[in-house]
Amino acid sequence: MKIDARHVETFLADPGRARFVLVYGPDTSLVAERARRLAKLVAGSLDDPFRLTELDADTAERLPEEAGAQAFGGGRRVVLLRDAGDRQVAPVEAALEGKGDALIVAIGGDLPG
């Protein structure tokens, strides 16, 4: 599902049970702010290592394991995937096929086309 620009704020306020969100665009500050908003909404805090994990393109192979892990103390986990690109498709697909309910927020920057 692609969120139309006029519905972005509504989605950011309530992403429901979404398991994967790709945040991208030419404004890197806005992209980062939106990713942080989603992470904080779902995880409750950006400082809780039991509910929030940050990966990048070089550590994306850990994505299925991190997305499938249970949050210590309950609640949903969030996995932020920075510098997401084509190389991370396989780990994302594997994570989404898993049993976890974590929200994966991929930060893609300004993508072509």
PDB file of N, CA and C in Angstrom:
ATOM      1  N   MET A   1       0.840  -1.163   0.000  1.00  0.00           N
ATOM      2  CA  MET A   1       0.000   0.000   0.000  1.00  0.00           C
ATOM      3  C   MET A   1       0.890   1.233   0.000  1.00  0.00           C
ATOM      4  N   LYS A   2       0.567   2.180  -0.834  1.00  0.00           N
ATOM      5  CA  LYS A   2       1.276   3.452  -0.869  1.00  0.00           C
ATOM      6  C   LYS A   2       0.345   4.508  -0.294  1.00  0.00           C
ATOM      7  N   ILE A   3       0.847   5.274   0.657  1.00  0.00           N
ATOM      8  CA  ILE A   3       0.046   6.304   1.307  1.00  0.00           C
ATOM      9  C   ILE A   3       0.157   7.586   0.493  1.00  0.00           C
ATOM     10  N   ASP A   4      -0.967   8.095   0.052  1.00  0.00           N
ATOM     11  CA  ASP A   4      -1.023   9.361  -0.672  1.00  0.00           C
ATOM     12  C   ASP A   4      -0.563  10.486   0.259  1.00  0.00           C
ATOM     13  N   ALA A   5       0.092  11.494  -0.296  1.00  0.00           N
ATOM     14  CA  ALA A   5       0.647  12.589   0.501  1.00  0.00           C
ATOM     15  C   ALA A   5      -0.391  13.220   1.425  1.00  0.00           C
ATOM     16  N   ARG A   6      -1.619  13.320   0.989  1.00  0.00           N
ATOM     17  CA  ARG A   6      -2.638  13.970   1.822  1.00  0.00           C
ATOM     18  C   ARG A   6      -3.088  13.099   3.004  1.00  0.00           C
ATOM     19  N   HIS A   7      -2.700  11.810   3.007  1.00  0.00           N
ATOM     20  CA  HIS A   7      -3.078  10.912   4.101  1.00  0.00           C
ATOM     21  C   HIS A   7      -1.908  10.532   5.017  1.00  0.00           C
ATOM     22  N   VAL A   8      -0.747  11.089   4.765  1.00  0.00           N
ATOM     23  CA  VAL A   8       0.445  10.727   5.534  1.00  0.00           C
ATOM     24  C   VAL A   8       0.263  11.023   7.019  1.00  0.00           C
ATOM     25  N   GLU A   9      -0.228  12.207   7.358  1.00  0.00           N
ATOM     26  CA  GLU A   9      -0.377  12.571   8.770  1.00  0.00           C
ATOM     27  C   GLU A   9      -1.337  11.634   9.494  1.00  0.00           C
ATOM     28  N   THR A  10      -2.408  11.239   8.830  1.00  0.00           N
ATOM     29  CA  THR A  10      -3.361  10.301   9.428  1.00  0.00           C
ATOM     30  C   THR A  10      -2.686   8.966   9.697  1.00  0.00           C
ATOM     31  N   PHE A  11      -1.909   8.482   8.731  1.00  0.00           N
ATOM     32  CA  PHE A  11      -1.202   7.219   8.910  1.00  0.00           C
ATOM     33  C   PHE A  11      -0.170   7.313  10.028  1.00  0.00           C
ATOM     34  N   LEU A  12       0.562   8.420  10.087  1.00  0.00           N
ATOM     35  CA  LEU A  12       1.579   8.588  11.126  1.00  0.00           C
ATOM     36  C   LEU A  12       0.960   8.611  12.522  1.00  0.00           C
ATOM     37  N   ALA A  13      -0.286   9.040  12.623  1.00  0.00           N
ATOM     38  CA  ALA A  13      -0.976   9.062  13.914  1.00  0.00           C
ATOM     39  C   ALA A  13      -1.485   7.682  14.311  1.00  0.00           C
ATOM     40  N   ASP A  14      -1.729   6.818  13.313  1.00  0.00           N
ATOM     41  CA  ASP A  14      -2.246   5.476  13.600  1.00  0.00           C
ATOM     42  C   ASP A  14      -1.888   4.528  12.460  1.00  0.00           C
ATOM     43  N   PRO A  15      -0.709   3.885  12.552  1.00  0.00           N
ATOM     44  CA  PRO A  15      -0.314   2.951  11.495  1.00  0.00           C
ATOM     45  C   PRO A  15      -1.004   1.593  11.601  1.00  0.00           C
ATOM     46  N   GLY A  16      -1.867   1.433  12.591  1.00  0.00           N
ATOM     47  CA  GLY A  16      -2.567   0.161  12.763  1.00  0.00           C
ATOM     48  C   GLY A  16      -1.586  -0.970  13.034  1.00  0.00           C
ATOM     49  N   ARG A  17      -1.820  -2.108  12.418  1.00  0.00           N
ATOM     50  CA  ARG A  17      -0.959  -3.278  12.609  1.00  0.00           C
ATOM     51  C   ARG A  17       0.046  -3.428  11.464  1.00  0.00           C
ATOM     52  N   ALA A  18       0.340  -2.340  10.769  1.00  0.00           N
ATOM     53  CA  ALA A  18       1.324  -2.395   9.682  1.00  0.00           C
ATOM     54  C   ALA A  18       2.598  -3.048  10.195  1.00  0.00           C
ATOM     55  N   ARG A  19       3.213  -3.861   9.358  1.00  0.00           N
ATOM     56  CA  ARG A  19       4.469  -4.516   9.743  1.00  0.00           C
ATOM     57  C   ARG A  19       5.669  -3.922   9.022  1.00  0.00           C
ATOM     58  N   PHE A  20       5.417  -3.199   7.929  1.00  0.00           N
ATOM     59  CA  PHE A  20       6.525  -2.621   7.171  1.00  0.00           C
ATOM     60  C   PHE A  20       6.111  -1.267   6.618  1.00  0.00           C
ATOM     61  N   VAL A  21       6.984  -0.292   6.798  1.00  0.00           N
ATOM     62  CA  VAL A  21       6.766   1.041   6.249  1.00  0.00           C
ATOM     63  C   VAL A  21       8.084   1.505   5.642  1.00  0.00           C
ATOM     64  N   LEU A  22       8.037   1.950   4.399  1.00  0.00           N
ATOM     65  CA  LEU A  22       9.194   2.559   3.746  1.00  0.00           C
ATOM     66  C   LEU A  22       8.972   4.059   3.755  1.00  0.00           C
ATOM     67  N   VAL A  23       9.858   4.781   4.419  1.00  0.00           N
ATOM     68  CA  VAL A  23       9.779   6.236   4.476  1.00  0.00           C
ATOM     69  C   VAL A  23      10.895   6.767   3.584  1.00  0.00           C
ATOM     70  N   TYR A  24      10.526   7.573   2.598  1.00  0.00           N
ATOM     71  CA  TYR A  24      11.537   8.073   1.673  1.00  0.00           C
ATOM     72  C   TYR A  24      11.140   9.448   1.157  1.00  0.00           C
ATOM     73  N   GLY A  25      12.096  10.124   0.555  1.00  0.00           N
ATOM     74  CA  GLY A  25      11.845  11.420  -0.049  1.00  0.00           C
ATOM     75  C   GLY A  25      13.109  12.247  -0.100  1.00  0.00           C
ATOM     76  N   PRO A  26      13.055  13.362  -0.828  1.00  0.00           N
ATOM     77  CA  PRO A  26      14.244  14.198  -0.998  1.00  0.00           C
ATOM     78  C   PRO A  26      14.607  15.003   0.251  1.00  0.00           C
ATOM     79  N   ASP A  27      13.660  15.206   1.153  1.00  0.00           N
ATOM     80  CA  ASP A  27      13.903  15.977   2.369  1.00  0.00           C
ATOM     81  C   ASP A  27      14.321  15.017   3.484  1.00  0.00           C
ATOM     82  N   THR A  28      15.624  14.846   3.668  1.00  0.00           N
ATOM     83  CA  THR A  28      16.120  13.860   4.630  1.00  0.00           C
ATOM     84  C   THR A  28      15.688  14.162   6.062  1.00  0.00           C
ATOM     85  N   SER A  29      15.558  15.428   6.402  1.00  0.00           N
ATOM     86  CA  SER A  29      15.095  15.783   7.749  1.00  0.00           C
ATOM     87  C   SER A  29      13.657  15.343   7.967  1.00  0.00           C
ATOM     88  N   LEU A  30      12.805  15.558   6.978  1.00  0.00           N
ATOM     89  CA  LEU A  30      11.403  15.151   7.077  1.00  0.00           C
ATOM     90  C   LEU A  30      11.282  13.632   7.115  1.00  0.00           C
ATOM     91  N   VAL A  31      12.067  12.952   6.306  1.00  0.00           N
ATOM     92  CA  VAL A  31      12.069  11.488   6.300  1.00  0.00           C
ATOM     93  C   VAL A  31      12.465  10.967   7.683  1.00  0.00           C
ATOM     94  N   ALA A  32      13.535  11.500   8.249  1.00  0.00           N
ATOM     95  CA  ALA A  32      13.996  11.066   9.573  1.00  0.00           C
ATOM     96  C   ALA A  32      12.956  11.367  10.645  1.00  0.00           C
ATOM     97  N   GLU A  33      12.328  12.531  10.576  1.00  0.00           N
ATOM     98  CA  GLU A  33      11.318  12.913  11.568  1.00  0.00           C
ATOM     99  C   GLU A  33      10.116  11.984  11.501  1.00  0.00           C
ATOM    100  N   ARG A  34       9.678  11.649  10.313  1.00  0.00           N
ATOM    101  CA  ARG A  34       8.528  10.745  10.169  1.00  0.00           C
ATOM    102  C   ARG A  34       8.862   9.337  10.654  1.00  0.00           C
ATOM    103  N   ALA A  35      10.059   8.874  10.371  1.00  0.00           N
ATOM    104  CA  ALA A  35      10.478   7.552  10.848  1.00  0.00           C
ATOM    105  C   ALA A  35      10.526   7.529  12.373  1.00  0.00           C
ATOM    106  N   ARG A  36      11.059   8.582  12.976  1.00  0.00           N
ATOM    107  CA  ARG A  36      11.112   8.667  14.440  1.00  0.00           C
ATOM    108  C   ARG A  36       9.710   8.711  15.045  1.00  0.00           C
ATOM    109  N   ARG A  37       8.802   9.449  14.413  1.00  0.00           N
ATOM    110  CA  ARG A  37       7.422   9.521  14.922  1.00  0.00           C
ATOM    111  C   ARG A  37       6.778   8.144  14.945  1.00  0.00           C
ATOM    112  N   LEU A  38       6.930   7.402  13.864  1.00  0.00           N
ATOM    113  CA  LEU A  38       6.367   6.049  13.821  1.00  0.00           C
ATOM    114  C   LEU A  38       6.993   5.162  14.889  1.00  0.00           C
ATOM    115  N   ALA A  39       8.303   5.223  14.996  1.00  0.00           N
ATOM    116  CA  ALA A  39       9.002   4.387  15.975  1.00  0.00           C
ATOM    117  C   ALA A  39       8.549   4.712  17.393  1.00  0.00           C
ATOM    118  N   LYS A  40       8.462   5.977  17.718  1.00  0.00           N
ATOM    119  CA  LYS A  40       8.062   6.373  19.068  1.00  0.00           C
ATOM    120  C   LYS A  40       6.612   5.993  19.345  1.00  0.00           C
ATOM    121  N   LEU A  41       5.742   6.161  18.371  1.00  0.00           N
ATOM    122  CA  LEU A  41       4.333   5.814  18.557  1.00  0.00           C
ATOM    123  C   LEU A  41       4.168   4.331  18.882  1.00  0.00           C
ATOM    124  N   VAL A  42       4.861   3.478  18.146  1.00  0.00           N
ATOM    125  CA  VAL A  42       4.704   2.033  18.320  1.00  0.00           C
ATOM    126  C   VAL A  42       5.514   1.514  19.507  1.00  0.00           C
ATOM    127  N   ALA A  43       6.753   1.957  19.651  1.00  0.00           N
ATOM    128  CA  ALA A  43       7.620   1.450  20.724  1.00  0.00           C
ATOM    129  C   ALA A  43       7.410   2.168  22.052  1.00  0.00           C
ATOM    130  N   GLY A  44       6.833   3.352  22.000  1.00  0.00           N
ATOM    131  CA  GLY A  44       6.604   4.110  23.224  1.00  0.00           C
ATOM    132  C   GLY A  44       7.755   5.013  23.615  1.00  0.00           C
ATOM    133  N   SER A  45       8.945   4.702  23.148  1.00  0.00           N
ATOM    134  CA  SER A  45      10.133   5.480  23.479  1.00  0.00           C
ATOM    135  C   SER A  45      11.209   5.186  22.437  1.00  0.00           C
ATOM    136  N   LEU A  46      12.044   6.167  22.215  1.00  0.00           N
ATOM    137  CA  LEU A  46      13.176   5.952  21.309  1.00  0.00           C
ATOM    138  C   LEU A  46      14.412   5.493  22.076  1.00  0.00           C
ATOM    139  N   ASP A  47      14.278   5.350  23.392  1.00  0.00           N
ATOM    140  CA  ASP A  47      15.416   5.002  24.241  1.00  0.00           C
ATOM    141  C   ASP A  47      15.338   3.602  24.830  1.00  0.00           C
ATOM    142  N   ASP A  48      14.357   2.808  24.437  1.00  0.00           N
ATOM    143  CA  ASP A  48      14.165   1.478  25.018  1.00  0.00           C
ATOM    144  C   ASP A  48      14.792   0.420  24.114  1.00  0.00           C
ATOM    145  N   PRO A  49      15.957  -0.125  24.489  1.00  0.00           N
ATOM    146  CA  PRO A  49      16.627  -1.101  23.627  1.00  0.00           C
ATOM    147  C   PRO A  49      15.875  -2.428  23.509  1.00  0.00           C
ATOM    148  N   PHE A  50      14.900  -2.664  24.372  1.00  0.00           N
ATOM    149  CA  PHE A  50      14.103  -3.890  24.289  1.00  0.00           C
ATOM    150  C   PHE A  50      12.941  -3.743  23.309  1.00  0.00           C
ATOM    151  N   ARG A  51      12.631  -2.506  22.929  1.00  0.00           N
ATOM    152  CA  ARG A  51      11.515  -2.265  22.016  1.00  0.00           C
ATOM    153  C   ARG A  51      11.956  -1.631  20.697  1.00  0.00           C
ATOM    154  N   LEU A  52      13.191  -1.105  20.642  1.00  0.00           N
ATOM    155  CA  LEU A  52      13.670  -0.431  19.436  1.00  0.00           C
ATOM    156  C   LEU A  52      15.080  -0.897  19.103  1.00  0.00           C
ATOM    157  N   THR A  53      15.250  -1.333  17.859  1.00  0.00           N
ATOM    158  CA  THR A  53      16.562  -1.734  17.356  1.00  0.00           C
ATOM    159  C   THR A  53      16.829  -0.952  16.081  1.00  0.00           C
ATOM    160  N   GLU A  54      18.058  -0.493  15.916  1.00  0.00           N
ATOM    161  CA  GLU A  54      18.437   0.217  14.697  1.00  0.00           C
ATOM    162  C   GLU A  54      19.464  -0.606  13.937  1.00  0.00           C
ATOM    163  N   LEU A  55      19.176  -0.827  12.669  1.00  0.00           N
ATOM    164  CA  LEU A  55      20.087  -1.527  11.768  1.00  0.00           C
ATOM    165  C   LEU A  55      20.393  -0.607  10.596  1.00  0.00           C
ATOM    166  N   ASP A  56      21.430  -0.963   9.846  1.00  0.00           N
ATOM    167  CA  ASP A  56      21.728  -0.232   8.618  1.00  0.00           C
ATOM    168  C   ASP A  56      21.959  -1.241   7.502  1.00  0.00           C
ATOM    169  N   ALA A  57      22.343  -0.761   6.357  1.00  0.00           N
ATOM    170  CA  ALA A  57      22.517  -1.640   5.196  1.00  0.00           C
ATOM    171  C   ALA A  57      23.519  -2.759   5.476  1.00  0.00           C
ATOM    172  N   ASP A  58      24.524  -2.488   6.292  1.00  0.00           N
ATOM    173  CA  ASP A  58      25.550  -3.493   6.576  1.00  0.00           C
ATOM    174  C   ASP A  58      25.127  -4.526   7.618  1.00  0.00           C
ATOM    175  N   THR A  59      24.101  -4.238   8.397  1.00  0.00           N
ATOM    176  CA  THR A  59      23.645  -5.174   9.433  1.00  0.00           C
ATOM    177  C   THR A  59      22.231  -5.686   9.157  1.00  0.00           C
ATOM    178  N   ALA A  60      21.725  -5.438   7.964  1.00  0.00           N
ATOM    179  CA  ALA A  60      20.346  -5.808   7.617  1.00  0.00           C
ATOM    180  C   ALA A  60      20.094  -7.309   7.676  1.00  0.00           C
ATOM    181  N   GLU A  61      21.134  -8.125   7.596  1.00  0.00           N
ATOM    182  CA  GLU A  61      20.925  -9.580   7.664  1.00  0.00           C
ATOM    183  C   GLU A  61      20.340  -9.995   9.016  1.00  0.00           C
ATOM    184  N   ARG A  62      20.449  -9.147  10.027  1.00  0.00           N
ATOM    185  CA  ARG A  62      19.870  -9.429  11.347  1.00  0.00           C
ATOM    186  C   ARG A  62      18.379  -9.106  11.418  1.00  0.00           C
ATOM    187  N   LEU A  63      17.841  -8.529  10.357  1.00  0.00           N
ATOM    188  CA  LEU A  63      16.453  -8.062  10.366  1.00  0.00           C
ATOM    189  C   LEU A  63      15.440  -9.148  10.723  1.00  0.00           C
ATOM    190  N   PRO A  64      15.474 -10.341  10.114  1.00  0.00           N
ATOM    191  CA  PRO A  64      14.480 -11.362  10.482  1.00  0.00           C
ATOM    192  C   PRO A  64      14.522 -11.726  11.967  1.00  0.00           C
ATOM    193  N   GLU A  65      15.719 -11.847  12.514  1.00  0.00           N
ATOM    194  CA  GLU A  65      15.860 -12.185  13.935  1.00  0.00           C
ATOM    195  C   GLU A  65      15.330 -11.063  14.822  1.00  0.00           C
ATOM    196  N   GLU A  66      15.698  -9.837  14.519  1.00  0.00           N
ATOM    197  CA  GLU A  66      15.265  -8.698  15.335  1.00  0.00           C
ATOM    198  C   GLU A  66      13.757  -8.481  15.239  1.00  0.00           C
ATOM    199  N   ALA A  67      13.204  -8.631  14.042  1.00  0.00           N
ATOM    200  CA  ALA A  67      11.762  -8.428  13.859  1.00  0.00           C
ATOM    201  C   ALA A  67      10.949  -9.536  14.515  1.00  0.00           C
ATOM    202  N   GLY A  68      11.540 -10.706  14.665  1.00  0.00           N
ATOM    203  CA  GLY A  68      10.841 -11.827  15.279  1.00  0.00           C
ATOM    204  C   GLY A  68      10.985 -11.912  16.787  1.00  0.00           C
ATOM    205  N   ALA A  69      11.861 -11.096  17.354  1.00  0.00           N
ATOM    206  CA  ALA A  69      12.095 -11.142  18.801  1.00  0.00           C
ATOM    207  C   ALA A  69      10.920 -10.539  19.566  1.00  0.00           C
ATOM    208  N   GLN A  70      10.675 -11.092  20.743  1.00  0.00           N
ATOM    209  CA  GLN A  70       9.638 -10.559  21.629  1.00  0.00           C
ATOM    210  C   GLN A  70      10.200  -9.361  22.396  1.00  0.00           C
ATOM    211  N   ALA A  71       9.368  -8.357  22.588  1.00  0.00           N
ATOM    212  CA  ALA A  71       9.778  -7.193  23.376  1.00  0.00           C
ATOM    213  C   ALA A  71       9.766  -7.553  24.853  1.00  0.00           C
ATOM    214  N   PHE A  72      10.846  -7.284  25.537  1.00  0.00           N
ATOM    215  CA  PHE A  72      10.917  -7.529  26.976  1.00  0.00           C
ATOM    216  C   PHE A  72       9.917  -6.602  27.659  1.00  0.00           C
ATOM    217  N   GLY A  73       9.004  -7.169  28.408  1.00  0.00           N
ATOM    218  CA  GLY A  73       7.993  -6.359  29.080  1.00  0.00           C
ATOM    219  C   GLY A  73       6.735  -6.171  28.260  1.00  0.00           C
ATOM    220  N   GLY A  74       6.670  -6.783  27.092  1.00  0.00           N
ATOM    221  CA  GLY A  74       5.466  -6.702  26.264  1.00  0.00           C
ATOM    222  C   GLY A  74       5.474  -5.523  25.309  1.00  0.00           C
ATOM    223  N   GLY A  75       4.456  -5.462  24.478  1.00  0.00           N
ATOM    224  CA  GLY A  75       4.342  -4.414  23.473  1.00  0.00           C
ATOM    225  C   GLY A  75       5.026  -4.811  22.179  1.00  0.00           C
ATOM    226  N   ARG A  76       4.877  -3.973  21.185  1.00  0.00           N
ATOM    227  CA  ARG A  76       5.492  -4.224  19.879  1.00  0.00           C
ATOM    228  C   ARG A  76       6.896  -3.661  19.822  1.00  0.00           C
ATOM    229  N   ARG A  77       7.724  -4.361  19.085  1.00  0.00           N
ATOM    230  CA  ARG A  77       9.069  -3.877  18.798  1.00  0.00           C
ATOM    231  C   ARG A  77       9.046  -3.078  17.500  1.00  0.00           C
ATOM    232  N   VAL A  78      10.045  -2.233  17.349  1.00  0.00           N
ATOM    233  CA  VAL A  78      10.270  -1.488  16.115  1.00  0.00           C
ATOM    234  C   VAL A  78      11.706  -1.734  15.694  1.00  0.00           C
ATOM    235  N   VAL A  79      11.891  -2.003  14.411  1.00  0.00           N
ATOM    236  CA  VAL A  79      13.234  -2.117  13.853  1.00  0.00           C
ATOM    237  C   VAL A  79      13.379  -1.020  12.810  1.00  0.00           C
ATOM    238  N   LEU A  80      14.276  -0.078  13.067  1.00  0.00           N
ATOM    239  CA  LEU A  80      14.581   0.977  12.104  1.00  0.00           C
ATOM    240  C   LEU A  80      15.698   0.471  11.199  1.00  0.00           C
ATOM    241  N   LEU A  81      15.464   0.499   9.908  1.00  0.00           N
ATOM    242  CA  LEU A  81      16.458   0.069   8.928  1.00  0.00           C
ATOM    243  C   LEU A  81      16.910   1.285   8.140  1.00  0.00           C
ATOM    244  N   ARG A  82      18.085   1.775   8.462  1.00  0.00           N
ATOM    245  CA  ARG A  82      18.617   2.978   7.804  1.00  0.00           C
ATOM    246  C   ARG A  82      19.308   2.611   6.488  1.00  0.00           C
ATOM    247  N   ASP A  83      19.326   3.551   5.575  1.00  0.00           N
ATOM    248  CA  ASP A  83      19.995   3.377   4.279  1.00  0.00           C
ATOM    249  C   ASP A  83      19.451   2.182   3.509  1.00  0.00           C
ATOM    250  N   ALA A  84      18.150   1.975   3.584  1.00  0.00           N
ATOM    251  CA  ALA A  84      17.527   0.836   2.901  1.00  0.00           C
ATOM    252  C   ALA A  84      17.630   1.002   1.390  1.00  0.00           C
ATOM    253  N   GLY A  85      17.860  -0.110   0.725  1.00  0.00           N
ATOM    254  CA  GLY A  85      17.955  -0.123  -0.729  1.00  0.00           C
ATOM    255  C   GLY A  85      17.655  -1.508  -1.250  1.00  0.00           C
ATOM    256  N   ASP A  86      17.947  -1.737  -2.504  1.00  0.00           N
ATOM    257  CA  ASP A  86      17.642  -3.019  -3.148  1.00  0.00           C
ATOM    258  C   ASP A  86      18.300  -4.210  -2.451  1.00  0.00           C
ATOM    259  N   ARG A  87      19.481  -4.013  -1.874  1.00  0.00           N
ATOM    260  CA  ARG A  87      20.191  -5.124  -1.213  1.00  0.00           C
ATOM    261  C   ARG A  87      19.463  -5.640   0.025  1.00  0.00           C
ATOM    262  N   GLN A  88      18.539  -4.861   0.560  1.00  0.00           N
ATOM    263  CA  GLN A  88      17.853  -5.264   1.783  1.00  0.00           C
ATOM    264  C   GLN A  88      16.499  -5.926   1.523  1.00  0.00           C
ATOM    265  N   VAL A  89      16.142  -6.135   0.269  1.00  0.00           N
ATOM    266  CA  VAL A  89      14.843  -6.744  -0.048  1.00  0.00           C
ATOM    267  C   VAL A  89      14.728  -8.140   0.563  1.00  0.00           C
ATOM    268  N   ALA A  90      15.740  -8.977   0.408  1.00  0.00           N
ATOM    269  CA  ALA A  90      15.673 -10.354   0.921  1.00  0.00           C
ATOM    270  C   ALA A  90      15.507 -10.392   2.443  1.00  0.00           C
ATOM    271  N   PRO A  91      16.286  -9.622   3.222  1.00  0.00           N
ATOM    272  CA  PRO A  91      16.060  -9.641   4.671  1.00  0.00           C
ATOM    273  C   PRO A  91      14.675  -9.120   5.070  1.00  0.00           C
ATOM    274  N   VAL A  92      14.172  -8.121   4.358  1.00  0.00           N
ATOM    275  CA  VAL A  92      12.831  -7.603   4.656  1.00  0.00           C
ATOM    276  C   VAL A  92      11.789  -8.675   4.372  1.00  0.00           C
ATOM    277  N   GLU A  93      11.896  -9.329   3.222  1.00  0.00           N
ATOM    278  CA  GLU A  93      10.939 -10.392   2.889  1.00  0.00           C
ATOM    279  C   GLU A  93      10.983 -11.511   3.924  1.00  0.00           C
ATOM    280  N   ALA A  94      12.179 -11.906   4.334  1.00  0.00           N
ATOM    281  CA  ALA A  94      12.314 -12.966   5.339  1.00  0.00           C
ATOM    282  C   ALA A  94      11.693 -12.537   6.667  1.00  0.00           C
ATOM    283  N   ALA A  95      11.891 -11.291   7.046  1.00  0.00           N
ATOM    284  CA  ALA A  95      11.319 -10.792   8.300  1.00  0.00           C
ATOM    285  C   ALA A  95       9.795 -10.786   8.240  1.00  0.00           C
ATOM    286  N   LEU A  96       9.241 -10.402   7.105  1.00  0.00           N
ATOM    287  CA  LEU A  96       7.783 -10.340   6.972  1.00  0.00           C
ATOM    288  C   LEU A  96       7.149 -11.726   6.904  1.00  0.00           C
ATOM    289  N   GLU A  97       7.919 -12.721   6.499  1.00  0.00           N
ATOM    290  CA  GLU A  97       7.417 -14.099   6.487  1.00  0.00           C
ATOM    291  C   GLU A  97       7.458 -14.719   7.881  1.00  0.00           C
ATOM    292  N   GLY A  98       8.193 -14.101   8.788  1.00  0.00           N
ATOM    293  CA  GLY A  98       8.333 -14.621  10.147  1.00  0.00           C
ATOM    294  C   GLY A  98       7.096 -14.385  10.991  1.00  0.00           C
ATOM    295  N   LYS A  99       7.185 -14.832  12.242  1.00  0.00           N
ATOM    296  CA  LYS A  99       6.040 -14.794  13.145  1.00  0.00           C
ATOM    297  C   LYS A  99       5.942 -13.522  13.974  1.00  0.00           C
ATOM    298  N   GLY A 100       6.949 -12.709  13.981  1.00  0.00           N
ATOM    299  CA  GLY A 100       6.930 -11.514  14.822  1.00  0.00           C
ATOM    300  C   GLY A 100       5.924 -10.481  14.352  1.00  0.00           C
ATOM    301  N   ASP A 101       5.610  -9.545  15.247  1.00  0.00           N
ATOM    302  CA  ASP A 101       4.682  -8.478  14.877  1.00  0.00           C
ATOM    303  C   ASP A 101       5.358  -7.112  14.892  1.00  0.00           C
ATOM    304  N   ALA A 102       6.694  -7.110  14.884  1.00  0.00           N
ATOM    305  CA  ALA A 102       7.436  -5.851  14.924  1.00  0.00           C
ATOM    306  C   ALA A 102       7.101  -4.990  13.713  1.00  0.00           C
ATOM    307  N   LEU A 103       7.186  -3.690  13.922  1.00  0.00           N
ATOM    308  CA  LEU A 103       7.069  -2.744  12.818  1.00  0.00           C
ATOM    309  C   LEU A 103       8.473  -2.483  12.294  1.00  0.00           C
ATOM    310  N   ILE A 104       8.680  -2.734  11.017  1.00  0.00           N
ATOM    311  CA  ILE A 104       9.953  -2.442  10.363  1.00  0.00           C
ATOM    312  C   ILE A 104       9.785  -1.112   9.645  1.00  0.00           C
ATOM    313  N   VAL A 105      10.596  -0.139  10.018  1.00  0.00           N
ATOM    314  CA  VAL A 105      10.563   1.175   9.378  1.00  0.00           C
ATOM    315  C   VAL A 105      11.852   1.313   8.582  1.00  0.00           C
ATOM    316  N   ALA A 106      11.741   1.212   7.266  1.00  0.00           N
ATOM    317  CA  ALA A 106      12.901   1.337   6.384  1.00  0.00           C
ATOM    318  C   ALA A 106      13.017   2.788   5.934  1.00  0.00           C
ATOM    319  N   ILE A 107      14.209   3.332   6.065  1.00  0.00           N
ATOM    320  CA  ILE A 107      14.470   4.713   5.677  1.00  0.00           C
ATOM    321  C   ILE A 107      15.267   4.671   4.386  1.00  0.00           C
ATOM    322  N   GLY A 108      14.639   5.125   3.304  1.00  0.00           N
ATOM    323  CA  GLY A 108      15.235   4.960   1.994  1.00  0.00           C
ATOM    324  C   GLY A 108      15.806   6.200   1.355  1.00  0.00           C
ATOM    325  N   GLY A 109      15.688   7.340   1.965  1.00  0.00           N
ATOM    326  CA  GLY A 109      16.189   8.554   1.344  1.00  0.00           C
ATOM    327  C   GLY A 109      15.385   8.915   0.112  1.00  0.00           C
ATOM    328  N   ASP A 110      16.020   9.517  -0.868  1.00  0.00           N
ATOM    329  CA  ASP A 110      15.340   9.943  -2.090  1.00  0.00           C
ATOM    330  C   ASP A 110      15.470   8.843  -3.131  1.00  0.00           C
ATOM    331  N   LEU A 111      14.420   8.083  -3.318  1.00  0.00           N
ATOM    332  CA  LEU A 111      14.446   6.965  -4.254  1.00  0.00           C
ATOM    333  C   LEU A 111      14.088   7.431  -5.658  1.00  0.00           C
ATOM    334  N   PRO A 112      14.641   6.786  -6.681  1.00  0.00           N
ATOM    335  CA  PRO A 112      14.329   7.175  -8.054  1.00  0.00           C
ATOM    336  C   PRO A 112      12.895   6.824  -8.436  1.00  0.00           C
ATOM    337  N   GLY A 113      12.360   7.622  -9.356  1.00  0.00           N
ATOM    338  CA  GLY A 113      11.118   7.341 -10.029  1.00  0.00           C
ATOM    339  C   GLY A 113       9.884   7.355  -9.286  1.00  0.00           C
TER     340      GLY A 113
END
